[in-house]
């Protein structure tokens, strides 16, 4: 069975459809390490999921979504977690721009690409993973792209996690711990049992202790990039 190296976990995945096969190719692992776990949805789960997805969704997309869901639940118990975000790499650090669907996290990070060209790139545009290693927060690419097509295999130190709020004006605030927990919980997988919940709380605590957090209140004008750069990036170098 094929094995893949994702966020330093060896994962057994058995893609049946071309969409997930292509996404997983850069993560293929041919070394001697044993698998840490498998992420293989059953046919019945796929069909059930597809029936509940928006009209026009395909089985290919359902397979990617289902595999990602299994993966993201299993890593909770291994000190890692999904942060639903567009992960921008700039000056050697990853900045995870997280927001509710439709707010415009990808729209914002694309503005960075337009402004800075080859100095910036997107690591993953929907489902990067974060973990702490040797007291350093890391952003890890996954093959799960949320339909964006951007899912690179790389691991980069985290500069900051930035929550985006739509606003007429551009400004930055620093959230308190309660706000960070609430926003992170909205951006990760939801636990379904006590064991998942305890592990997730431990991951949240560890991430908060090692990571900088900001709220970027912004519009879609290019000046939003300037505000983020001057008030966030400069503080994370």
C-alpha atoms as a PDB file:
ATOM      1  CA  UNK A   1       0.000   0.000   0.000  1.00  0.00           C
ATOM      2  CA  UNK A   2       1.357   3.479  -0.850  1.00  0.00           C
ATOM      3  CA  UNK A   3       2.838   5.486   2.020  1.00  0.00           C
ATOM      4  CA  UNK A   4       3.109   9.265   2.179  1.00  0.00           C
ATOM      5  CA  UNK A   5       5.192  11.579   4.362  1.00  0.00           C
ATOM      6  CA  UNK A   6       2.863  14.331   5.539  1.00  0.00           C
ATOM      7  CA  UNK A   7       3.824  16.691   8.385  1.00  0.00           C
ATOM      8  CA  UNK A   8       6.503  14.129   9.341  1.00  0.00           C
ATOM      9  CA  UNK A   9       3.882  11.390   9.727  1.00  0.00           C
ATOM     10  CA  UNK A  10       4.031   8.265   7.591  1.00  0.00           C
ATOM     11  CA  UNK A  11       0.483   7.789   6.365  1.00  0.00           C
ATOM     12  CA  UNK A  12      -1.062   4.983   4.366  1.00  0.00           C
ATOM     13  CA  UNK A  13      -3.416   6.399   1.745  1.00  0.00           C
ATOM     14  CA  UNK A  14      -4.933   4.503  -1.139  1.00  0.00           C
ATOM     15  CA  UNK A  15      -6.205   7.103  -3.637  1.00  0.00           C
ATOM     16  CA  UNK A  16      -8.775   5.666  -6.015  1.00  0.00           C
ATOM     17  CA  UNK A  17      -9.417   8.759  -8.096  1.00  0.00           C
ATOM     18  CA  UNK A  18      -7.099  10.988 -10.105  1.00  0.00           C
ATOM     19  CA  UNK A  19      -7.719  14.164  -8.116  1.00  0.00           C
ATOM     20  CA  UNK A  20      -6.291  12.830  -4.854  1.00  0.00           C
ATOM     21  CA  UNK A  21      -3.625  10.787  -6.654  1.00  0.00           C
ATOM     22  CA  UNK A  22      -2.187  13.955  -8.198  1.00  0.00           C
ATOM     23  CA  UNK A  23      -2.281  15.879  -4.924  1.00  0.00           C
ATOM     24  CA  UNK A  24      -0.508  13.070  -3.059  1.00  0.00           C
ATOM     25  CA  UNK A  25       2.309  12.524  -5.576  1.00  0.00           C
ATOM     26  CA  UNK A  26       4.734  15.089  -4.067  1.00  0.00           C
ATOM     27  CA  UNK A  27       4.305  13.432  -0.644  1.00  0.00           C
ATOM     28  CA  UNK A  28       5.049   9.849  -1.740  1.00  0.00           C
ATOM     29  CA  UNK A  29       7.381   8.085   0.709  1.00  0.00           C
ATOM     30  CA  UNK A  30       9.626   5.193  -0.312  1.00  0.00           C
ATOM     31  CA  UNK A  31      11.745   4.907   2.830  1.00  0.00           C
ATOM     32  CA  UNK A  32      11.837   2.232   5.510  1.00  0.00           C
ATOM     33  CA  UNK A  33       9.754   3.892   8.224  1.00  0.00           C
ATOM     34  CA  UNK A  34       6.594   2.066   9.221  1.00  0.00           C
ATOM     35  CA  UNK A  35       3.247   3.764   8.840  1.00  0.00           C
ATOM     36  CA  UNK A  36       2.051   5.824  11.796  1.00  0.00           C
ATOM     37  CA  UNK A  37      -1.570   5.406  10.725  1.00  0.00           C
ATOM     38  CA  UNK A  38      -3.817   5.050   7.702  1.00  0.00           C
ATOM     39  CA  UNK A  39      -6.325   7.509   6.243  1.00  0.00           C
ATOM     40  CA  UNK A  40      -8.537   5.465   3.969  1.00  0.00           C
ATOM     41  CA  UNK A  41     -12.267   6.236   3.797  1.00  0.00           C
ATOM     42  CA  UNK A  42     -14.665   3.375   3.170  1.00  0.00           C
ATOM     43  CA  UNK A  43     -16.845   3.300   0.070  1.00  0.00           C
ATOM     44  CA  UNK A  44     -19.960   3.700   2.186  1.00  0.00           C
ATOM     45  CA  UNK A  45     -18.499   6.770   3.915  1.00  0.00           C
ATOM     46  CA  UNK A  46     -17.585   8.306   0.558  1.00  0.00           C
ATOM     47  CA  UNK A  47     -21.053   7.788  -0.866  1.00  0.00           C
ATOM     48  CA  UNK A  48     -22.702   9.091   2.288  1.00  0.00           C
ATOM     49  CA  UNK A  49     -20.468  12.172   2.255  1.00  0.00           C
ATOM     50  CA  UNK A  50     -21.099  12.840  -1.425  1.00  0.00           C
ATOM     51  CA  UNK A  51     -24.855  12.765  -0.864  1.00  0.00           C
ATOM     52  CA  UNK A  52     -24.472  15.541   1.722  1.00  0.00           C
ATOM     53  CA  UNK A  53     -22.143  17.773  -0.288  1.00  0.00           C
ATOM     54  CA  UNK A  54     -23.250  20.677  -2.443  1.00  0.00           C
ATOM     55  CA  UNK A  55     -24.939  19.814  -5.711  1.00  0.00           C
ATOM     56  CA  UNK A  56     -22.423  19.186  -8.478  1.00  0.00           C
ATOM     57  CA  UNK A  57     -19.695  17.782  -6.198  1.00  0.00           C
ATOM     58  CA  UNK A  58     -17.878  14.744  -7.583  1.00  0.00           C
ATOM     59  CA  UNK A  59     -16.665  11.524  -5.988  1.00  0.00           C
ATOM     60  CA  UNK A  60     -13.079  12.725  -6.604  1.00  0.00           C
ATOM     61  CA  UNK A  61     -13.644  15.756  -4.396  1.00  0.00           C
ATOM     62  CA  UNK A  62     -15.473  13.671  -1.804  1.00  0.00           C
ATOM     63  CA  UNK A  63     -12.470  11.325  -1.572  1.00  0.00           C
ATOM     64  CA  UNK A  64     -10.079  14.222  -0.941  1.00  0.00           C
ATOM     65  CA  UNK A  65     -12.393  15.712   1.679  1.00  0.00           C
ATOM     66  CA  UNK A  66     -12.956  12.378   3.435  1.00  0.00           C
ATOM     67  CA  UNK A  67      -9.262  11.470   3.473  1.00  0.00           C
ATOM     68  CA  UNK A  68      -8.380  14.895   4.858  1.00  0.00           C
ATOM     69  CA  UNK A  69     -10.997  14.518   7.594  1.00  0.00           C
ATOM     70  CA  UNK A  70      -9.581  11.174   8.712  1.00  0.00           C
ATOM     71  CA  UNK A  71      -6.011  12.493   8.606  1.00  0.00           C
ATOM     72  CA  UNK A  72      -6.828  15.646  10.570  1.00  0.00           C
ATOM     73  CA  UNK A  73      -8.595  13.705  13.305  1.00  0.00           C
ATOM     74  CA  UNK A  74      -5.766  11.218  13.744  1.00  0.00           C
ATOM     75  CA  UNK A  75      -3.039  13.848  14.058  1.00  0.00           C
ATOM     76  CA  UNK A  76      -4.858  15.457  16.989  1.00  0.00           C
ATOM     77  CA  UNK A  77      -3.491  12.651  19.185  1.00  0.00           C
ATOM     78  CA  UNK A  78       0.017  13.168  17.809  1.00  0.00           C
ATOM     79  CA  UNK A  79       0.572  16.790  18.765  1.00  0.00           C
ATOM     80  CA  UNK A  80      -0.528  18.376  15.492  1.00  0.00           C
ATOM     81  CA  UNK A  81      -3.645  20.130  14.243  1.00  0.00           C
ATOM     82  CA  UNK A  82      -5.310  21.555  11.192  1.00  0.00           C
ATOM     83  CA  UNK A  83      -5.627  25.331  10.952  1.00  0.00           C
ATOM     84  CA  UNK A  84      -8.045  26.176   8.152  1.00  0.00           C
ATOM     85  CA  UNK A  85      -6.139  28.967   6.462  1.00  0.00           C
ATOM     86  CA  UNK A  86      -4.153  30.213   3.511  1.00  0.00           C
ATOM     87  CA  UNK A  87      -0.514  29.729   4.520  1.00  0.00           C
ATOM     88  CA  UNK A  88       1.746  32.375   2.980  1.00  0.00           C
ATOM     89  CA  UNK A  89       5.522  31.937   3.071  1.00  0.00           C
ATOM     90  CA  UNK A  90       7.412  35.224   3.244  1.00  0.00           C
ATOM     91  CA  UNK A  91      11.049  35.783   4.260  1.00  0.00           C
ATOM     92  CA  UNK A  92      11.378  32.157   5.341  1.00  0.00           C
ATOM     93  CA  UNK A  93       8.390  32.092   7.679  1.00  0.00           C
ATOM     94  CA  UNK A  94       4.800  30.951   7.263  1.00  0.00           C
ATOM     95  CA  UNK A  95       1.960  33.352   7.992  1.00  0.00           C
ATOM     96  CA  UNK A  96      -1.371  31.582   8.304  1.00  0.00           C
ATOM     97  CA  UNK A  97      -4.272  33.819   7.310  1.00  0.00           C
ATOM     98  CA  UNK A  98      -7.422  32.252   8.744  1.00  0.00           C
ATOM     99  CA  UNK A  99     -11.025  33.361   8.264  1.00  0.00           C
ATOM    100  CA  UNK A 100     -14.563  32.129   7.947  1.00  0.00           C
ATOM    101  CA  UNK A 101     -15.465  30.850   4.500  1.00  0.00           C
ATOM    102  CA  UNK A 102     -16.188  33.720   2.138  1.00  0.00           C
ATOM    103  CA  UNK A 103     -14.336  36.397   4.117  1.00  0.00           C
ATOM    104  CA  UNK A 104     -11.407  36.370   1.697  1.00  0.00           C
ATOM    105  CA  UNK A 105      -8.289  34.743   3.143  1.00  0.00           C
ATOM    106  CA  UNK A 106      -7.147  33.524  -0.286  1.00  0.00           C
ATOM    107  CA  UNK A 107      -8.019  36.868  -1.845  1.00  0.00           C
ATOM    108  CA  UNK A 108      -5.762  38.549   0.689  1.00  0.00           C
ATOM    109  CA  UNK A 109      -2.781  36.224   0.248  1.00  0.00           C
ATOM    110  CA  UNK A 110      -3.011  36.580  -3.539  1.00  0.00           C
ATOM    111  CA  UNK A 111      -2.501  40.300  -3.008  1.00  0.00           C
ATOM    112  CA  UNK A 112       0.846  39.446  -1.373  1.00  0.00           C
ATOM    113  CA  UNK A 113       1.881  37.430  -4.418  1.00  0.00           C
ATOM    114  CA  UNK A 114       0.986  40.339  -6.650  1.00  0.00           C
ATOM    115  CA  UNK A 115       2.929  42.783  -4.481  1.00  0.00           C
ATOM    116  CA  UNK A 116       6.050  40.728  -3.712  1.00  0.00           C
ATOM    117  CA  UNK A 117       6.283  38.281  -6.611  1.00  0.00           C
ATOM    118  CA  UNK A 118       8.861  35.532  -6.074  1.00  0.00           C
ATOM    119  CA  UNK A 119       9.573  36.730  -2.519  1.00  0.00           C
ATOM    120  CA  UNK A 120       6.311  35.117  -1.411  1.00  0.00           C
ATOM    121  CA  UNK A 121       4.431  31.922  -2.195  1.00  0.00           C
ATOM    122  CA  UNK A 122       1.487  29.921  -0.898  1.00  0.00           C
ATOM    123  CA  UNK A 123       2.393  26.737   0.987  1.00  0.00           C
ATOM    124  CA  UNK A 124      -1.182  25.486   1.233  1.00  0.00           C
ATOM    125  CA  UNK A 125      -4.315  27.466   0.462  1.00  0.00           C
ATOM    126  CA  UNK A 126      -6.772  25.672   2.713  1.00  0.00           C
ATOM    127  CA  UNK A 127      -5.590  22.896   5.051  1.00  0.00           C
ATOM    128  CA  UNK A 128      -2.048  23.332   6.412  1.00  0.00           C
ATOM    129  CA  UNK A 129      -1.094  21.596   9.651  1.00  0.00           C
ATOM    130  CA  UNK A 130       0.734  23.154  12.596  1.00  0.00           C
ATOM    131  CA  UNK A 131       2.834  21.382  15.215  1.00  0.00           C
ATOM    132  CA  UNK A 132       5.510  22.278  17.757  1.00  0.00           C
ATOM    133  CA  UNK A 133       8.950  20.706  17.416  1.00  0.00           C
ATOM    134  CA  UNK A 134      11.819  21.618  19.748  1.00  0.00           C
ATOM    135  CA  UNK A 135       9.795  24.604  21.008  1.00  0.00           C
ATOM    136  CA  UNK A 136       9.414  25.929  17.429  1.00  0.00           C
ATOM    137  CA  UNK A 137       5.962  26.175  15.781  1.00  0.00           C
ATOM    138  CA  UNK A 138       5.988  24.669  12.291  1.00  0.00           C
ATOM    139  CA  UNK A 139       3.589  24.967   9.397  1.00  0.00           C
ATOM    140  CA  UNK A 140       3.461  21.748   7.383  1.00  0.00           C
ATOM    141  CA  UNK A 141       2.074  21.288   3.914  1.00  0.00           C
ATOM    142  CA  UNK A 142      -0.524  18.611   3.243  1.00  0.00           C
ATOM    143  CA  UNK A 143      -1.959  17.192   0.011  1.00  0.00           C
ATOM    144  CA  UNK A 144      -5.381  18.489   0.987  1.00  0.00           C
ATOM    145  CA  UNK A 145      -6.136  21.645  -0.944  1.00  0.00           C
ATOM    146  CA  UNK A 146      -9.843  22.328  -0.429  1.00  0.00           C
ATOM    147  CA  UNK A 147     -10.211  22.672  -4.192  1.00  0.00           C
ATOM    148  CA  UNK A 148      -7.607  25.412  -4.577  1.00  0.00           C
ATOM    149  CA  UNK A 149      -4.963  23.299  -6.312  1.00  0.00           C
ATOM    150  CA  UNK A 150      -2.252  24.696  -4.009  1.00  0.00           C
ATOM    151  CA  UNK A 151      -0.828  22.001  -1.719  1.00  0.00           C
ATOM    152  CA  UNK A 152       2.967  22.043  -1.521  1.00  0.00           C
ATOM    153  CA  UNK A 153       5.150  19.596   0.366  1.00  0.00           C
ATOM    154  CA  UNK A 154       7.260  21.769   2.633  1.00  0.00           C
ATOM    155  CA  UNK A 155       7.640  22.634   6.300  1.00  0.00           C
ATOM    156  CA  UNK A 156       8.346  26.204   7.401  1.00  0.00           C
ATOM    157  CA  UNK A 157       8.593  27.894  10.830  1.00  0.00           C
ATOM    158  CA  UNK A 158       5.461  29.831  11.728  1.00  0.00           C
ATOM    159  CA  UNK A 159       5.792  33.602  11.856  1.00  0.00           C
ATOM    160  CA  UNK A 160       2.241  34.223  13.071  1.00  0.00           C
ATOM    161  CA  UNK A 161      -1.352  33.100  12.798  1.00  0.00           C
ATOM    162  CA  UNK A 162      -3.542  35.947  11.583  1.00  0.00           C
ATOM    163  CA  UNK A 163      -7.327  35.979  11.778  1.00  0.00           C
ATOM    164  CA  UNK A 164      -8.962  38.081   9.086  1.00  0.00           C
ATOM    165  CA  UNK A 165     -12.048  40.175   9.722  1.00  0.00           C
ATOM    166  CA  UNK A 166     -13.669  42.176   6.934  1.00  0.00           C
ATOM    167  CA  UNK A 167     -13.648  45.910   7.672  1.00  0.00           C
ATOM    168  CA  UNK A 168     -13.975  49.235   5.865  1.00  0.00           C
ATOM    169  CA  UNK A 169     -10.626  50.291   7.322  1.00  0.00           C
ATOM    170  CA  UNK A 170      -7.332  48.436   7.621  1.00  0.00           C
ATOM    171  CA  UNK A 171      -5.890  47.937  11.101  1.00  0.00           C
ATOM    172  CA  UNK A 172      -4.422  45.227  13.357  1.00  0.00           C
ATOM    173  CA  UNK A 173      -5.394  44.158  16.864  1.00  0.00           C
ATOM    174  CA  UNK A 174      -3.886  41.603  19.228  1.00  0.00           C
ATOM    175  CA  UNK A 175      -6.424  39.050  20.497  1.00  0.00           C
ATOM    176  CA  UNK A 176      -6.499  37.865  24.098  1.00  0.00           C
ATOM    177  CA  UNK A 177      -6.279  34.174  24.971  1.00  0.00           C
ATOM    178  CA  UNK A 178     -10.043  33.640  25.056  1.00  0.00           C
ATOM    179  CA  UNK A 179     -10.443  35.104  21.586  1.00  0.00           C
ATOM    180  CA  UNK A 180      -7.545  33.022  20.244  1.00  0.00           C
ATOM    181  CA  UNK A 181      -9.078  29.796  21.575  1.00  0.00           C
ATOM    182  CA  UNK A 182     -12.474  30.611  20.087  1.00  0.00           C
ATOM    183  CA  UNK A 183     -11.018  31.482  16.692  1.00  0.00           C
ATOM    184  CA  UNK A 184      -8.681  28.476  16.581  1.00  0.00           C
ATOM    185  CA  UNK A 185     -11.487  26.126  17.518  1.00  0.00           C
ATOM    186  CA  UNK A 186     -13.550  27.435  14.601  1.00  0.00           C
ATOM    187  CA  UNK A 187     -10.622  26.824  12.242  1.00  0.00           C
ATOM    188  CA  UNK A 188      -9.823  23.219  13.144  1.00  0.00           C
ATOM    189  CA  UNK A 189     -11.578  19.851  13.259  1.00  0.00           C
ATOM    190  CA  UNK A 190     -14.320  19.468  15.817  1.00  0.00           C
ATOM    191  CA  UNK A 191     -13.838  16.673  18.328  1.00  0.00           C
ATOM    192  CA  UNK A 192     -16.487  14.011  18.708  1.00  0.00           C
ATOM    193  CA  UNK A 193     -15.395  12.337  21.948  1.00  0.00           C
ATOM    194  CA  UNK A 194     -13.616  13.093  25.218  1.00  0.00           C
ATOM    195  CA  UNK A 195     -10.263  11.703  24.085  1.00  0.00           C
ATOM    196  CA  UNK A 196     -10.228  13.891  20.966  1.00  0.00           C
ATOM    197  CA  UNK A 197     -11.250  16.877  23.034  1.00  0.00           C
ATOM    198  CA  UNK A 198      -8.497  16.483  25.626  1.00  0.00           C
ATOM    199  CA  UNK A 199      -5.840  16.103  22.924  1.00  0.00           C
ATOM    200  CA  UNK A 200      -7.178  19.102  21.026  1.00  0.00           C
ATOM    201  CA  UNK A 201      -7.111  21.277  24.151  1.00  0.00           C
ATOM    202  CA  UNK A 202      -3.497  20.234  24.775  1.00  0.00           C
ATOM    203  CA  UNK A 203      -2.579  21.153  21.202  1.00  0.00           C
ATOM    204  CA  UNK A 204      -4.307  24.522  21.495  1.00  0.00           C
ATOM    205  CA  UNK A 205      -2.456  25.308  24.719  1.00  0.00           C
ATOM    206  CA  UNK A 206       0.902  24.343  23.226  1.00  0.00           C
ATOM    207  CA  UNK A 207       0.311  26.358  20.058  1.00  0.00           C
ATOM    208  CA  UNK A 208      -0.796  29.461  21.965  1.00  0.00           C
ATOM    209  CA  UNK A 209       2.301  29.341  24.185  1.00  0.00           C
ATOM    210  CA  UNK A 210       4.661  29.233  21.190  1.00  0.00           C
ATOM    211  CA  UNK A 211       2.968  31.349  18.524  1.00  0.00           C
ATOM    212  CA  UNK A 212       2.127  34.996  17.841  1.00  0.00           C
ATOM    213  CA  UNK A 213      -1.479  35.820  16.975  1.00  0.00           C
ATOM    214  CA  UNK A 214      -3.053  38.872  15.355  1.00  0.00           C
ATOM    215  CA  UNK A 215      -6.411  39.966  13.978  1.00  0.00           C
ATOM    216  CA  UNK A 216      -6.215  41.794  10.665  1.00  0.00           C
ATOM    217  CA  UNK A 217      -9.268  43.944  10.063  1.00  0.00           C
ATOM    218  CA  UNK A 218      -9.100  44.742   6.372  1.00  0.00           C
ATOM    219  CA  UNK A 219     -10.768  45.531   3.083  1.00  0.00           C
ATOM    220  CA  UNK A 220      -9.711  44.319  -0.359  1.00  0.00           C
ATOM    221  CA  UNK A 221      -7.563  47.327  -1.182  1.00  0.00           C
ATOM    222  CA  UNK A 222      -3.831  46.781  -1.746  1.00  0.00           C
ATOM    223  CA  UNK A 223      -3.147  48.955   1.292  1.00  0.00           C
ATOM    224  CA  UNK A 224      -4.259  46.025   3.465  1.00  0.00           C
ATOM    225  CA  UNK A 225      -0.972  44.343   2.606  1.00  0.00           C
ATOM    226  CA  UNK A 226       0.971  47.397   3.772  1.00  0.00           C
ATOM    227  CA  UNK A 227      -0.864  47.420   7.089  1.00  0.00           C
ATOM    228  CA  UNK A 228      -0.235  43.706   7.630  1.00  0.00           C
ATOM    229  CA  UNK A 229       3.412  44.007   6.669  1.00  0.00           C
ATOM    230  CA  UNK A 230       4.127  47.005   8.887  1.00  0.00           C
ATOM    231  CA  UNK A 231       2.178  45.787  11.933  1.00  0.00           C
ATOM    232  CA  UNK A 232       2.716  42.028  11.764  1.00  0.00           C
ATOM    233  CA  UNK A 233       5.606  40.907   9.566  1.00  0.00           C
ATOM    234  CA  UNK A 234       8.025  43.490  10.980  1.00  0.00           C
ATOM    235  CA  UNK A 235       7.227  42.220  14.480  1.00  0.00           C
ATOM    236  CA  UNK A 236       7.938  38.609  13.564  1.00  0.00           C
ATOM    237  CA  UNK A 237      11.413  38.907  12.043  1.00  0.00           C
END
